Protein backbone atom coordinates (compact mmCIF):
# COMPACT_ATOMS: atom_id res chain seq x y z
CA MET A 1 54.74 29.39 59.70
CA THR A 2 53.46 32.60 61.15
CA VAL A 3 50.57 34.60 59.80
CA LYS A 4 52.94 37.31 58.72
CA GLU A 5 55.01 34.88 56.66
CA PHE A 6 51.81 33.44 55.06
CA PHE A 7 50.63 36.84 53.86
CA GLU A 8 54.11 37.65 52.60
CA LYS A 9 54.03 34.52 50.44
CA LEU A 10 50.63 35.49 49.07
CA LYS A 11 52.17 38.72 47.89
CA ALA A 12 54.92 36.89 46.03
CA PRO A 13 54.78 37.63 42.23
CA ILE A 14 55.56 34.03 41.32
CA LEU A 15 52.40 32.78 43.04
CA TRP A 16 50.14 35.21 41.21
CA GLY A 17 51.92 34.45 37.97
CA ASN A 18 51.23 30.73 38.35
CA LEU A 19 47.58 31.36 39.22
CA LEU A 20 47.17 33.63 36.20
CA ALA A 21 48.80 31.06 33.95
CA MET A 22 46.46 28.32 35.22
CA LEU A 23 43.46 30.59 34.63
CA LEU A 24 44.56 31.29 31.08
CA VAL A 25 45.03 27.58 30.43
CA VAL A 26 41.50 26.82 31.68
CA ILE A 27 40.00 29.60 29.54
CA LEU A 28 41.87 28.46 26.45
CA LEU A 29 40.88 24.86 27.10
CA CYS A 30 37.17 25.82 27.32
CA PHE A 31 37.33 27.79 24.08
CA GLY A 32 39.20 24.95 22.38
CA VAL A 33 36.63 22.34 23.38
CA LYS A 34 33.78 24.61 22.27
CA TRP A 35 35.42 25.21 18.89
CA TRP A 36 36.05 21.49 18.39
CA LEU A 37 32.46 20.57 19.20
CA ALA A 38 31.13 23.24 16.85
CA SER A 39 33.43 22.03 14.09
CA TYR A 40 32.56 18.37 14.68
CA THR A 41 28.78 18.86 14.78
CA HIS A 42 28.68 21.68 12.18
CA HIS A 43 26.92 23.92 14.68
CA GLY A 44 24.70 26.51 13.00
CA GLU A 45 24.91 24.73 9.65
CA GLY A 46 22.09 22.70 8.08
CA ILE A 47 20.81 21.36 4.77
CA GLU A 48 17.10 21.69 4.10
CA VAL A 49 15.61 18.34 3.07
CA PRO A 50 13.70 18.67 -0.22
CA SER A 51 10.50 16.81 -1.07
CA LEU A 52 11.23 13.51 -2.83
CA TYR A 53 7.59 12.48 -3.36
CA GLY A 54 7.01 10.93 -6.78
CA MET A 55 10.71 10.73 -7.67
CA THR A 56 12.41 7.48 -8.48
CA HIS A 57 15.19 6.32 -6.18
CA ARG A 58 17.81 7.07 -8.84
CA VAL A 59 16.59 10.64 -9.36
CA ALA A 60 16.50 11.26 -5.60
CA VAL A 61 20.08 10.01 -5.21
CA GLY A 62 21.22 12.29 -8.03
CA LYS A 63 19.57 15.27 -6.35
CA LEU A 64 20.80 14.72 -2.77
CA ASP A 65 24.25 13.25 -3.37
CA PRO A 66 25.81 16.60 -4.43
CA VAL A 67 24.68 18.25 -1.17
CA GLY A 68 26.02 15.43 1.00
CA LEU A 69 22.82 13.55 1.82
CA LEU A 70 22.28 9.83 1.37
CA VAL A 71 19.08 8.14 0.18
CA VAL A 72 18.23 4.65 1.44
CA ALA A 73 15.03 2.74 0.55
CA ASN A 74 13.98 0.79 3.64
CA ASP A 75 10.34 -0.08 2.87
CA SER A 76 7.76 -0.44 0.09
CA SER A 77 4.03 0.09 -0.13
CA TYR A 78 1.42 0.64 -2.84
CA VAL A 79 -0.32 3.84 -3.86
CA GLU A 80 -2.74 3.73 -6.77
CA GLY A 81 -1.92 6.11 -9.59
CA LEU A 82 1.82 6.39 -8.93
CA PRO A 83 4.36 4.57 -11.10
CA ALA A 84 6.20 1.61 -9.67
CA GLY A 85 9.39 2.62 -7.86
CA ALA A 86 8.23 6.16 -7.06
CA ILE A 87 8.97 7.52 -3.59
CA ILE A 88 5.81 7.88 -1.49
CA GLN A 89 7.24 8.66 1.98
CA GLN A 90 10.47 10.00 3.45
CA ASN A 91 12.12 10.49 6.83
CA PRO A 92 13.20 13.19 7.76
CA ALA A 93 10.25 15.08 6.33
CA PRO A 94 10.62 17.80 3.67
CA GLY A 95 11.69 21.18 5.02
CA MET A 96 13.68 19.85 7.97
CA LYS A 97 17.33 20.91 8.32
CA VAL A 98 19.89 18.16 8.76
CA LYS A 99 23.66 17.79 8.82
CA SER A 100 25.72 16.73 5.85
CA GLY A 101 26.02 12.95 5.65
CA ARG A 102 22.52 12.35 7.05
CA ILE A 103 20.60 9.35 5.66
CA ILE A 104 17.16 10.07 4.21
CA TYR A 105 15.05 6.91 4.50
CA VAL A 106 12.38 6.53 1.82
CA THR A 107 9.43 4.24 1.11
CA ILE A 108 8.92 3.39 -2.55
CA ASN A 109 5.81 2.37 -4.45
CA SER A 110 5.62 -1.39 -4.84
CA LEU A 111 6.86 -2.82 -8.13
CA THR A 112 4.04 -5.39 -8.13
CA MET A 113 0.32 -4.92 -7.66
CA PRO A 114 -0.94 -6.31 -4.32
CA CYS A 115 -3.18 -9.35 -4.59
CA GLU A 116 -6.69 -10.01 -3.30
CA ARG A 117 -8.29 -13.36 -2.53
CA ILE A 118 -11.22 -14.39 -4.71
CA PRO A 119 -14.25 -14.68 -2.38
CA ASP A 120 -16.57 -17.69 -2.33
CA LEU A 121 -18.97 -16.56 -5.05
CA ILE A 122 -19.03 -19.42 -7.55
CA ASP A 123 -22.37 -21.26 -7.52
CA ASN A 124 -23.16 -19.35 -4.36
CA CYS A 125 -24.66 -15.98 -5.33
CA SER A 126 -26.27 -13.88 -8.03
CA TYR A 127 -24.51 -11.76 -10.63
CA ARG A 128 -25.30 -8.47 -8.88
CA GLU A 129 -23.96 -9.65 -5.54
CA ALA A 130 -20.78 -11.02 -7.11
CA GLU A 131 -20.30 -7.82 -9.12
CA ALA A 132 -20.59 -5.63 -6.03
CA ARG A 133 -18.17 -7.72 -3.95
CA LEU A 134 -15.52 -8.00 -6.65
CA LYS A 135 -15.61 -4.29 -7.46
CA SER A 136 -15.25 -3.45 -3.77
CA LEU A 137 -11.99 -5.45 -3.77
CA GLY A 138 -10.64 -3.38 -6.67
CA PHE A 139 -11.27 -5.74 -9.58
CA VAL A 140 -12.51 -4.64 -13.00
CA LEU A 141 -15.39 -6.66 -14.45
CA LEU A 142 -15.73 -7.31 -18.17
CA THR A 143 -18.92 -8.25 -20.00
CA PRO A 144 -20.22 -11.46 -18.40
CA LYS A 145 -20.05 -14.74 -20.28
CA LEU A 146 -23.49 -16.34 -20.62
CA ILE A 147 -24.06 -20.08 -20.48
CA ASP A 148 -27.13 -22.30 -20.15
CA GLY A 149 -28.27 -22.14 -16.56
CA GLU A 150 -30.41 -20.29 -14.07
CA LYS A 151 -30.74 -16.65 -14.95
CA ASP A 152 -28.11 -14.33 -13.37
CA TRP A 153 -26.61 -17.17 -11.33
CA VAL A 154 -22.79 -17.18 -11.09
CA TYR A 155 -21.25 -20.43 -12.33
CA GLY A 156 -17.62 -19.34 -12.58
CA ILE A 157 -15.01 -16.56 -12.60
CA GLN A 158 -12.37 -16.24 -15.30
CA TYR A 159 -9.05 -14.38 -15.23
CA ARG A 160 -7.03 -14.15 -18.44
CA GLY A 161 -9.10 -16.88 -20.02
CA ARG A 162 -8.77 -19.43 -17.21
CA ASN A 163 -11.12 -20.33 -14.40
CA VAL A 164 -10.17 -19.26 -10.88
CA VAL A 165 -11.39 -20.71 -7.61
CA ALA A 166 -12.35 -19.23 -4.26
CA GLY A 167 -9.31 -18.28 -2.17
CA GLU A 168 -6.97 -17.84 -5.14
CA ASN A 169 -4.82 -14.70 -5.09
CA VAL A 170 -5.32 -12.40 -8.07
CA PRO A 171 -3.65 -8.97 -8.55
CA ARG A 172 -5.90 -6.06 -7.63
CA GLU A 173 -7.36 -4.10 -10.57
CA SER A 174 -7.24 -7.24 -12.73
CA GLU A 175 -9.98 -7.75 -15.32
CA LEU A 176 -12.34 -10.58 -14.42
CA THR A 177 -15.17 -12.20 -16.36
CA LEU A 178 -18.16 -13.68 -14.57
CA VAL A 179 -19.70 -16.81 -16.07
CA VAL A 180 -23.43 -16.29 -15.61
CA GLY A 181 -26.54 -18.31 -16.43
CA ASN A 182 -28.70 -17.02 -19.29
CA GLY A 183 -32.00 -18.37 -17.94
CA ALA A 184 -32.24 -21.30 -20.36
CA LEU A 185 -32.35 -23.84 -17.53
CA GLY A 186 -35.40 -22.21 -15.99
CA GLU A 187 -37.19 -22.05 -19.38
CA GLU A 188 -36.56 -25.74 -20.01
CA LYS A 189 -38.09 -26.63 -16.67
CA ASP A 190 -41.15 -24.51 -17.38
CA THR A 191 -41.52 -26.11 -20.82
CA GLU A 192 -41.30 -29.63 -19.41
CA GLU A 193 -43.82 -28.87 -16.69
CA SER A 194 -46.28 -27.33 -19.13
CA GLY A 195 -45.83 -30.26 -21.55
CA ASP A 196 -46.56 -32.80 -18.82
CA GLY A 197 -49.69 -30.92 -17.91
CA GLU A 198 -51.04 -30.97 -21.47
CA SER A 199 -50.44 -34.70 -21.97
CA GLY A 200 -52.36 -35.58 -18.82
CA ALA A 201 -55.46 -33.45 -19.54
CA PHE A 202 -58.59 -34.30 -21.58
CA SER A 203 -59.98 -31.82 -24.11
CA SER A 204 -63.74 -31.30 -24.64
CA ASP A 205 -63.52 -33.02 -28.06
CA ASP A 206 -62.10 -36.16 -26.47
CA ILE A 207 -65.01 -36.28 -24.03
CA ASP A 208 -67.60 -35.91 -26.80
CA ASP A 209 -66.04 -38.73 -28.85
CA PHE A 210 -66.07 -40.94 -25.77
CA LEU A 211 -69.76 -40.27 -25.16
CA GLU A 212 -70.65 -41.07 -28.81
CA VAL A 213 -68.93 -44.45 -28.54
CA LEU A 214 -70.93 -45.28 -25.43
CA GLU A 215 -74.23 -44.40 -27.15
């Protein structure tokens, strides 16, 4: 093929028609793919995630279901002051924009109060020390129960009328009663010691009577 024939073929209308048709197909294909992706991913659309804090799971579902969002509880924790079952955390966070059908994962307030271990206080510390340690763990202390024993010495811990032992798990914020000595044991010891001292001592009258007998 000569150069002249090559350039003559380039000028042929059928060649340029085919090239133009291929170009149009490519352009249409690009626009079609772009439209499909935008339709599939809802490009430019978004639902703002509301705050679910403090709501129950049922209320949150009723609020988000109409707008196409799902609510799934995937964890639990405990926050004092909130009712059991209330939502305390969420992901995605409030204010974020998400697509329809997105799952909102929530953490709910525990249905049961977390427990604390009773420390080794029985017959091991004073009332003030036991009071401070138990309050720091979140327990509520009632009026102590007094029994005969060394004053302010802890002889037991009661929960709902029964004695508990060191290491036992008791729900936080439970009401506890400390069994404390009233000091009677110390007074008895002092009385016994003073009584023994009096019986072993001589009074001045006894000495005088003894001297009169000798004379």
